[in-house]
Amino acid sequence: MPRVLDDFRRTQLAIAALFCFLGFQYATWASRIPALKERLDLSAGEVGLLLVVTGAGAAASFPLITFLMQRLGARRVALLSGLSLVAILLVLSVAPNYPTALVILCVDGVAVGCLNVAMNAQGAALEAAHGRTAMTQLHATFSAGSFLAALLSSGMTALTSDIASHFVAASVILLVLLACARPRLLTDDAAASKPAAGQEEGKRRRGFTRPTQAVLWLGCAMVFAEVVEGSMNDWSALYLKDVAHASPQIAPLGIAVISIVMVVARLFGDGWRSRWGDARVVRVGSAVAGVGLALALLAGGVVPALIGFACVGLGVAAVAPCLYVAAAAEGPQALSVVAATGTTGLLVGPAVIGFVAEAADLTWGMAVVAASAVVVSLCTTRLRFVPPKAPSEVGTGTDMAEKGAM
């Protein structure tokens, strides 16, 4: 590693720490859903309701996010929401009953929504300030955080069944990530968190501006893309344990397989975008995820499941970064809307899988995940993406996707 990093790399690493933080925090409690289910004596439907209230918290946070971003800026919102997520994890570890867990995870959804928008706003501001692409690699660190959390979960499960001990260890790591991010986060992020002066005045008078057709399609695609990613994180461990009959030590590795494949794929994501274009990367990748998972469900067993999970990680790796870049091209409000909508899909989608599993079984629930990947491809046929530019050619990022729908 070079002794002295330029401003771009230093800031990129700081923002990457936030992405890693969110992936780590989310996968930490998601990987222990089987243990929480057993401790609180929950049915699959009750687990689904836990995830519903998490998504409800994210959805309800939309007005709060806008207010906080305008008043505090992305840097402060990111740090405050990060500290909140650490506290939430610790409280969840000692939740005495199901109603308390519902409240805790609802608050978690609000904090996740705030951090998701703030860190993506920081990423968009970084690209605009330096004229260099960064978003795909930033999203890679989210997957890296999930992977590390899965490994920690597997190791802690082997050592002890105590959830509190696991979550305390995870909280220490989360605080270290926040400490690493804090000094180099962007402070002058007005362009990423606020509209132009004239638009700001209009917003004060009229509230939110009406989303364009392109933003609506982007939001729809993002919802289903995050349904896929979130559902795999939340339900892969239970699928391996209850359906594929994996051991307690193997079950958390479903998240690890998905995460490590996504990390590797996202490290190469910018090259794929340059070679094939955002549209093909999103559409083909979504098809790989859907078909691969469907075949794994038909085959059954631990090994096919892990291969299918790897297909999902590979296929959806570059989808969300491409959609965030397109949303940033539509303006800062569009970025906030799409990011917050994606957070809702990330958190509500797994709950829907729980209800399907309760009504039928978890195999059918995972089939819904495969179908969601196909829906992403269908949504993006209504959007036009321009070919991504080389880093030296990138301007402010406003020309990364064409406005409007076909």
Protein backbone atom coordinates (compact mmCIF):
# COMPACT_ATOMS: atom_id res chain seq x y z
CA MET A 1 0.00 0.00 0.00
CA PRO A 2 1.48 3.40 -0.93
CA ARG A 3 2.70 5.41 1.99
CA VAL A 4 0.74 8.45 0.97
CA LEU A 5 -2.65 8.09 -0.72
CA ASP A 6 -4.17 10.86 -2.78
CA ASP A 7 -7.34 12.55 -1.58
CA PHE A 8 -9.51 10.40 -3.80
CA ARG A 9 -8.21 7.11 -2.44
CA ARG A 10 -8.28 8.27 1.17
CA THR A 11 -11.88 9.43 0.87
CA GLN A 12 -12.86 6.32 -1.08
CA LEU A 13 -11.50 4.14 1.73
CA ALA A 14 -13.40 6.17 4.32
CA ILE A 15 -16.68 5.81 2.43
CA ALA A 16 -15.90 2.13 1.82
CA ALA A 17 -15.72 1.69 5.60
CA LEU A 18 -19.35 2.86 5.79
CA PHE A 19 -20.43 0.34 3.15
CA CYS A 20 -18.52 -2.39 4.98
CA PHE A 21 -20.15 -1.28 8.23
CA LEU A 22 -23.68 -1.61 6.88
CA GLY A 23 -23.02 -5.00 5.30
CA PHE A 24 -21.42 -6.26 8.51
CA GLN A 25 -24.17 -5.00 10.82
CA TYR A 26 -26.97 -6.34 8.62
CA ALA A 27 -25.43 -9.78 8.07
CA THR A 28 -24.52 -10.11 11.75
CA TRP A 29 -28.09 -10.27 12.97
CA ALA A 30 -29.42 -11.85 9.76
CA SER A 31 -27.03 -14.79 10.12
CA ARG A 32 -28.36 -15.42 13.64
CA ILE A 33 -32.01 -15.50 12.61
CA PRO A 34 -32.14 -19.28 13.25
CA ALA A 35 -30.90 -18.69 16.81
CA LEU A 36 -33.31 -15.79 17.36
CA LYS A 37 -36.13 -17.92 15.94
CA GLU A 38 -35.33 -20.71 18.39
CA ARG A 39 -34.78 -18.47 21.42
CA LEU A 40 -38.02 -16.53 20.93
CA ASP A 41 -39.89 -19.65 19.71
CA LEU A 42 -41.02 -18.08 16.44
CA SER A 43 -42.77 -19.52 13.41
CA ALA A 44 -41.66 -18.72 9.86
CA GLY A 45 -44.50 -16.20 9.64
CA GLU A 46 -43.38 -14.47 12.83
CA VAL A 47 -39.84 -14.26 11.47
CA GLY A 48 -41.34 -12.72 8.36
CA LEU A 49 -43.18 -10.14 10.48
CA LEU A 50 -39.88 -9.21 12.15
CA LEU A 51 -38.54 -8.41 8.71
CA VAL A 52 -41.73 -6.58 7.73
CA VAL A 53 -41.41 -4.11 10.60
CA THR A 54 -37.77 -3.57 9.65
CA GLY A 55 -38.89 -2.63 6.16
CA ALA A 56 -41.70 -0.52 7.57
CA GLY A 57 -39.13 1.43 9.56
CA ALA A 58 -37.12 2.02 6.40
CA ALA A 59 -40.22 3.14 4.49
CA ALA A 60 -41.31 5.47 7.29
CA SER A 61 -37.84 7.01 7.36
CA PHE A 62 -38.21 8.71 3.94
CA PRO A 63 -39.29 12.13 5.32
CA LEU A 64 -36.76 11.88 8.15
CA ILE A 65 -33.93 11.13 5.71
CA THR A 66 -34.73 14.18 3.59
CA PHE A 67 -34.89 16.41 6.67
CA LEU A 68 -31.65 15.10 8.15
CA MET A 69 -29.74 15.25 4.87
CA GLN A 70 -30.73 18.89 4.39
CA ARG A 71 -30.01 19.91 7.98
CA LEU A 72 -26.95 17.80 8.82
CA GLY A 73 -25.45 16.63 5.53
CA ALA A 74 -24.50 13.11 4.52
CA ARG A 75 -21.41 12.94 6.78
CA ARG A 76 -23.22 13.58 10.05
CA VAL A 77 -26.21 11.45 9.06
CA ALA A 78 -23.87 8.55 8.27
CA LEU A 79 -22.02 8.77 11.58
CA LEU A 80 -25.14 9.22 13.73
CA SER A 81 -27.01 6.38 12.04
CA GLY A 82 -23.92 4.19 12.37
CA LEU A 83 -23.76 4.73 16.12
CA SER A 84 -27.47 3.99 16.33
CA LEU A 85 -27.01 0.69 14.50
CA VAL A 86 -24.32 -0.39 16.97
CA ALA A 87 -26.65 0.32 19.89
CA ILE A 88 -29.52 -1.48 18.16
CA LEU A 89 -27.41 -4.61 17.67
CA LEU A 90 -26.51 -4.71 21.36
CA VAL A 91 -30.12 -4.23 22.48
CA LEU A 92 -31.35 -6.91 20.06
CA SER A 93 -28.94 -9.42 21.58
CA VAL A 94 -30.83 -9.25 24.90
CA ALA A 95 -34.37 -8.72 23.62
CA PRO A 96 -36.55 -10.55 26.17
CA ASN A 97 -39.57 -11.24 23.98
CA TYR A 98 -41.07 -11.03 20.51
CA PRO A 99 -42.82 -7.61 20.83
CA THR A 100 -39.57 -6.02 22.01
CA ALA A 101 -37.72 -7.53 19.06
CA LEU A 102 -40.34 -6.06 16.72
CA VAL A 103 -39.75 -2.55 18.09
CA ILE A 104 -35.96 -2.92 17.95
CA LEU A 105 -35.97 -4.05 14.32
CA CYS A 106 -38.37 -1.29 13.31
CA VAL A 107 -35.87 1.25 14.65
CA ASP A 108 -33.12 -0.69 12.88
CA GLY A 109 -34.96 -0.15 9.59
CA VAL A 110 -35.01 3.61 10.14
CA ALA A 111 -31.28 3.70 10.88
CA VAL A 112 -30.43 1.47 7.92
CA GLY A 113 -32.44 3.73 5.60
CA CYS A 114 -30.57 6.80 6.83
CA LEU A 115 -27.13 5.22 6.49
CA ASN A 116 -27.87 3.76 3.06
CA VAL A 117 -28.86 7.12 1.59
CA ALA A 118 -26.02 8.99 3.32
CA MET A 119 -23.24 6.64 2.20
CA ASN A 120 -24.48 6.54 -1.40
CA ALA A 121 -24.71 10.33 -1.39
CA GLN A 122 -21.08 10.41 -0.24
CA GLY A 123 -20.14 8.03 -3.06
CA ALA A 124 -21.93 10.13 -5.68
CA ALA A 125 -20.27 13.29 -4.34
CA LEU A 126 -16.86 11.59 -4.51
CA GLU A 127 -17.33 10.70 -8.18
CA ALA A 128 -18.54 14.20 -8.99
CA ALA A 129 -15.67 15.88 -7.15
CA HIS A 130 -12.89 13.79 -8.70
CA GLY A 131 -14.35 12.71 -12.02
CA ARG A 132 -13.51 9.07 -11.30
CA THR A 133 -15.76 6.02 -10.94
CA ALA A 134 -16.01 4.49 -7.49
CA MET A 135 -19.52 3.20 -6.83
CA THR A 136 -19.06 -0.43 -7.87
CA GLN A 137 -16.00 -0.90 -5.69
CA LEU A 138 -17.76 0.83 -2.80
CA HIS A 139 -20.61 -1.66 -3.07
CA ALA A 140 -18.01 -4.44 -3.07
CA THR A 141 -17.11 -3.47 0.47
CA PHE A 142 -20.76 -3.89 1.52
CA SER A 143 -20.50 -7.50 0.36
CA ALA A 144 -17.12 -7.80 2.06
CA GLY A 145 -18.74 -6.69 5.31
CA SER A 146 -21.45 -9.32 4.91
CA PHE A 147 -18.82 -11.97 4.21
CA LEU A 148 -16.79 -11.06 7.29
CA ALA A 149 -19.93 -11.06 9.42
CA ALA A 150 -20.84 -14.53 8.14
CA LEU A 151 -17.40 -15.86 9.00
CA LEU A 152 -17.59 -14.32 12.47
CA SER A 153 -21.06 -15.80 12.93
CA SER A 154 -19.88 -19.26 11.89
CA GLY A 155 -16.92 -19.07 14.27
CA MET A 156 -18.93 -17.72 17.19
CA THR A 157 -21.63 -20.36 16.66
CA ALA A 158 -18.96 -23.05 16.92
CA LEU A 159 -17.64 -21.51 20.16
CA THR A 160 -20.85 -20.53 21.92
CA SER A 161 -24.60 -20.38 21.42
CA ASP A 162 -24.77 -17.04 23.30
CA ILE A 163 -26.02 -14.36 20.91
CA ALA A 164 -25.01 -11.53 23.25
CA SER A 165 -21.32 -12.51 23.17
CA HIS A 166 -21.41 -12.63 19.39
CA PHE A 167 -23.09 -9.24 19.05
CA VAL A 168 -20.70 -7.58 21.52
CA ALA A 169 -17.73 -8.78 19.47
CA ALA A 170 -19.43 -7.55 16.29
CA SER A 171 -20.11 -4.15 17.87
CA VAL A 172 -16.42 -3.64 18.62
CA ILE A 173 -15.61 -4.23 14.94
CA LEU A 174 -18.38 -1.84 13.88
CA LEU A 175 -17.03 0.93 16.11
CA VAL A 176 -13.56 0.46 14.62
CA LEU A 177 -15.02 0.85 11.11
CA LEU A 178 -16.78 4.08 12.12
CA ALA A 179 -13.58 5.41 13.66
CA CYS A 180 -11.71 4.68 10.42
CA ALA A 181 -14.37 6.40 8.31
CA ARG A 182 -14.88 9.57 10.33
CA PRO A 183 -11.72 11.61 9.57
CA ARG A 184 -11.90 11.42 5.75
CA LEU A 185 -15.62 11.57 4.97
CA LEU A 186 -16.64 14.44 2.71
CA THR A 187 -17.82 17.49 4.60
CA ASP A 188 -18.75 19.72 1.66
CA ASP A 189 -21.41 17.39 0.24
CA ALA A 190 -24.12 19.92 -0.59
CA ALA A 191 -24.25 18.74 -4.18
CA ALA A 192 -24.98 15.20 -3.03
CA SER A 193 -27.54 16.04 -0.39
CA LYS A 194 -29.30 19.16 -1.62
CA PRO A 195 -30.76 20.30 -4.94
CA ALA A 196 -29.84 23.51 -6.68
CA ALA A 197 -30.90 26.75 -5.07
CA GLY A 198 -33.91 27.25 -7.29
CA GLN A 199 -35.03 23.67 -6.79
CA GLU A 200 -34.55 23.98 -3.04
CA GLU A 201 -36.84 26.99 -2.92
CA GLY A 202 -39.42 25.08 -4.95
CA LYS A 203 -39.16 22.15 -2.57
CA ARG A 204 -39.83 24.37 0.42
CA ARG A 205 -43.03 25.55 -1.22
CA ARG A 206 -44.25 22.34 -2.83
CA GLY A 207 -42.61 19.47 -0.94
CA PHE A 208 -41.20 16.63 -3.00
CA THR A 209 -41.09 17.11 -6.74
CA ARG A 210 -42.92 14.48 -8.76
CA PRO A 211 -40.59 11.61 -9.78
CA THR A 212 -39.97 11.21 -13.49
CA GLN A 213 -40.92 8.03 -15.32
CA ALA A 214 -37.26 7.03 -15.36
CA VAL A 215 -37.02 7.39 -11.57
CA LEU A 216 -40.13 5.25 -11.11
CA TRP A 217 -38.65 2.44 -13.24
CA LEU A 218 -35.32 2.79 -11.46
CA GLY A 219 -37.09 2.55 -8.12
CA CYS A 220 -39.01 -0.53 -9.22
CA ALA A 221 -35.85 -2.24 -10.48
CA MET A 222 -34.02 -1.34 -7.29
CA VAL A 223 -36.79 -2.74 -5.09
CA PHE A 224 -36.67 -6.16 -6.74
CA ALA A 225 -32.88 -6.17 -6.92
CA GLU A 226 -32.70 -5.57 -3.19
CA VAL A 227 -35.44 -8.14 -2.58
CA VAL A 228 -33.06 -10.67 -4.12
CA GLU A 229 -30.01 -9.57 -2.16
CA GLY A 230 -31.81 -9.11 1.13
CA SER A 231 -33.75 -12.35 0.93
CA MET A 232 -30.63 -14.36 0.25
CA ASN A 233 -28.97 -12.84 3.30
CA ASP A 234 -31.96 -13.43 5.55
CA TRP A 235 -33.16 -16.84 4.39
CA SER A 236 -30.11 -18.67 3.03
CA ALA A 237 -29.08 -19.92 6.47
CA LEU A 238 -32.58 -21.23 7.25
CA TYR A 239 -32.87 -22.80 3.79
CA LEU A 240 -29.59 -24.66 4.26
CA LYS A 241 -30.57 -25.79 7.77
CA ASP A 242 -34.26 -26.65 7.35
CA VAL A 243 -34.52 -27.66 3.68
CA ALA A 244 -31.03 -28.79 2.64
CA HIS A 245 -30.36 -30.21 6.16
CA ALA A 246 -26.94 -28.60 6.57
CA SER A 247 -25.18 -28.64 9.95
CA PRO A 248 -25.34 -25.57 12.23
CA GLN A 249 -21.73 -24.75 11.32
CA ILE A 250 -22.38 -24.96 7.55
CA ALA A 251 -25.69 -23.05 7.51
CA PRO A 252 -24.21 -19.53 7.99
CA LEU A 253 -21.80 -20.15 5.11
CA GLY A 254 -24.62 -19.58 2.63
CA ILE A 255 -24.24 -15.86 3.29
CA ALA A 256 -20.45 -16.23 3.04
CA VAL A 257 -20.67 -17.80 -0.43
CA ILE A 258 -22.99 -15.08 -1.71
CA SER A 259 -20.89 -12.32 -0.21
CA ILE A 260 -17.47 -13.47 -1.39
CA VAL A 261 -18.70 -14.01 -4.95
CA MET A 262 -20.26 -10.54 -4.91
CA VAL A 263 -17.04 -9.00 -3.60
CA VAL A 264 -14.96 -10.53 -6.38
CA ALA A 265 -17.54 -9.70 -9.05
CA ARG A 266 -17.87 -6.09 -7.90
CA LEU A 267 -14.10 -5.63 -8.00
CA PHE A 268 -14.33 -6.37 -11.73
CA GLY A 269 -17.69 -4.64 -12.20
CA ASP A 270 -16.36 -1.41 -13.70
CA GLY A 271 -14.52 -3.40 -16.38
CA TRP A 272 -17.71 -5.26 -17.28
CA ARG A 273 -19.59 -1.99 -17.56
CA SER A 274 -16.95 -0.53 -19.87
CA ARG A 275 -16.93 -3.62 -22.07
CA TRP A 276 -20.62 -4.53 -22.27
CA GLY A 277 -22.49 -1.49 -20.98
CA ASP A 278 -24.69 -1.06 -17.92
CA ALA A 279 -27.86 -2.33 -19.61
CA ARG A 280 -26.38 -5.70 -20.58
CA VAL A 281 -24.64 -6.12 -17.23
CA VAL A 282 -27.92 -5.58 -15.37
CA ARG A 283 -30.13 -7.68 -17.64
CA VAL A 284 -27.81 -10.64 -18.16
CA GLY A 285 -26.70 -10.59 -14.54
CA SER A 286 -30.28 -10.69 -13.27
CA ALA A 287 -31.04 -13.62 -15.59
CA VAL A 288 -28.00 -15.55 -14.30
CA ALA A 289 -29.15 -14.99 -10.73
CA GLY A 290 -32.74 -16.08 -11.38
CA VAL A 291 -31.98 -19.14 -13.52
CA GLY A 292 -29.08 -20.30 -11.34
CA LEU A 293 -31.14 -20.14 -8.15
CA ALA A 294 -34.14 -21.84 -9.79
CA LEU A 295 -32.01 -24.77 -10.97
CA ALA A 296 -30.49 -25.11 -7.49
CA LEU A 297 -33.93 -25.27 -5.91
CA LEU A 298 -35.00 -27.97 -8.38
CA ALA A 299 -31.86 -30.02 -7.69
CA GLY A 300 -32.02 -29.76 -3.88
CA GLY A 301 -29.21 -30.47 -1.45
CA VAL A 302 -26.43 -28.45 0.17
CA VAL A 303 -23.95 -28.35 -2.73
CA PRO A 304 -26.50 -27.30 -5.40
CA ALA A 305 -27.81 -24.66 -2.99
CA LEU A 306 -24.35 -23.18 -2.48
CA ILE A 307 -23.78 -23.18 -6.27
CA GLY A 308 -27.13 -21.46 -6.79
CA PHE A 309 -26.28 -18.90 -4.12
CA ALA A 310 -23.00 -18.23 -5.93
CA CYS A 311 -24.96 -17.59 -9.15
CA VAL A 312 -27.06 -15.03 -7.30
CA GLY A 313 -23.97 -13.29 -5.94
CA LEU A 314 -22.39 -13.17 -9.40
CA GLY A 315 -25.55 -12.06 -11.19
CA VAL A 316 -26.69 -9.24 -8.93
CA ALA A 317 -23.22 -7.96 -8.02
CA ALA A 318 -23.20 -5.00 -10.41
CA VAL A 319 -26.96 -4.41 -10.56
CA ALA A 320 -27.37 -2.03 -7.60
CA PRO A 321 -24.24 0.03 -8.41
CA CYS A 322 -25.44 0.53 -11.99
CA LEU A 323 -28.87 1.61 -10.77
CA TYR A 324 -27.36 4.02 -8.23
CA VAL A 325 -25.23 5.60 -10.96
CA ALA A 326 -28.31 6.01 -13.16
CA ALA A 327 -30.24 7.51 -10.23
CA ALA A 328 -27.42 9.97 -9.51
CA ALA A 329 -27.69 11.12 -13.14
CA GLU A 330 -31.32 12.03 -12.46
CA GLY A 331 -30.36 14.35 -9.61
CA PRO A 332 -29.81 14.23 -5.84
CA GLN A 333 -33.48 13.83 -4.96
CA ALA A 334 -33.76 10.88 -7.34
CA LEU A 335 -30.72 9.30 -5.69
CA SER A 336 -32.34 9.63 -2.26
CA VAL A 337 -35.65 8.23 -3.50
CA VAL A 338 -34.07 5.25 -5.26
CA ALA A 339 -31.72 4.52 -2.35
CA ALA A 340 -34.51 4.69 0.21
CA THR A 341 -36.80 2.61 -2.00
CA GLY A 342 -34.04 0.04 -2.35
CA THR A 343 -33.69 -0.10 1.41
CA THR A 344 -37.39 -0.87 1.68
CA GLY A 345 -37.03 -3.72 -0.82
CA LEU A 346 -33.99 -5.00 1.05
CA LEU A 347 -35.95 -5.21 4.28
CA VAL A 348 -39.55 -5.89 3.20
CA GLY A 349 -38.70 -8.48 0.54
CA PRO A 350 -37.38 -11.07 3.00
CA ALA A 351 -40.58 -10.68 5.00
CA VAL A 352 -42.63 -11.59 1.95
CA ILE A 353 -40.49 -14.69 1.58
CA GLY A 354 -41.38 -15.56 5.18
CA PHE A 355 -45.10 -15.32 4.47
CA VAL A 356 -44.73 -17.51 1.37
CA ALA A 357 -42.74 -20.02 3.41
CA GLU A 358 -45.48 -20.02 6.05
CA ALA A 359 -48.20 -20.61 3.45
CA ALA A 360 -46.27 -23.19 1.42
CA ASP A 361 -42.63 -23.91 2.27
CA LEU A 362 -39.25 -22.19 2.09
CA THR A 363 -38.46 -23.70 -1.32
CA TRP A 364 -41.36 -21.76 -2.79
CA GLY A 365 -40.22 -18.70 -0.88
CA MET A 366 -36.80 -18.92 -2.50
CA ALA A 367 -38.54 -19.40 -5.86
CA VAL A 368 -40.02 -15.93 -5.35
CA VAL A 369 -36.45 -14.64 -5.03
CA ALA A 370 -35.56 -16.22 -8.38
CA ALA A 371 -38.63 -14.63 -9.97
CA SER A 372 -37.69 -11.23 -8.52
CA ALA A 373 -34.37 -11.38 -10.35
CA VAL A 374 -36.25 -11.80 -13.61
CA VAL A 375 -38.45 -8.80 -12.79
CA VAL A 376 -35.30 -6.65 -12.52
CA SER A 377 -34.45 -7.47 -16.14
CA LEU A 378 -37.97 -6.59 -17.24
CA CYS A 379 -37.91 -3.24 -15.42
CA THR A 380 -34.60 -2.20 -16.96
CA THR A 381 -35.90 -2.80 -20.49
CA ARG A 382 -37.81 0.44 -19.89
CA LEU A 383 -34.58 2.37 -19.28
CA ARG A 384 -31.76 3.42 -21.55
CA PHE A 385 -28.21 3.43 -20.24
CA VAL A 386 -25.33 5.17 -21.96
CA PRO A 387 -22.01 3.28 -22.08
CA PRO A 388 -19.90 4.04 -19.00
CA LYS A 389 -16.90 6.23 -19.61
CA ALA A 390 -13.34 5.56 -18.64
CA PRO A 391 -12.36 7.23 -15.35
CA SER A 392 -10.43 9.95 -17.14
CA GLU A 393 -13.47 10.81 -19.23
CA VAL A 394 -16.04 10.93 -16.47
CA GLY A 395 -17.35 14.39 -15.72
CA THR A 396 -19.65 15.12 -12.86
CA GLY A 397 -21.57 11.90 -13.33
CA THR A 398 -24.67 13.61 -14.65
CA ASP A 399 -24.26 12.01 -18.06
CA MET A 400 -23.97 8.44 -16.80
CA ALA A 401 -27.55 7.57 -17.79
CA GLU A 402 -30.10 9.13 -20.06
CA LYS A 403 -33.16 10.66 -18.51
CA GLY A 404 -36.58 9.39 -19.47
CA ALA A 405 -37.91 5.98 -20.39
CA MET A 406 -38.32 4.23 -23.67
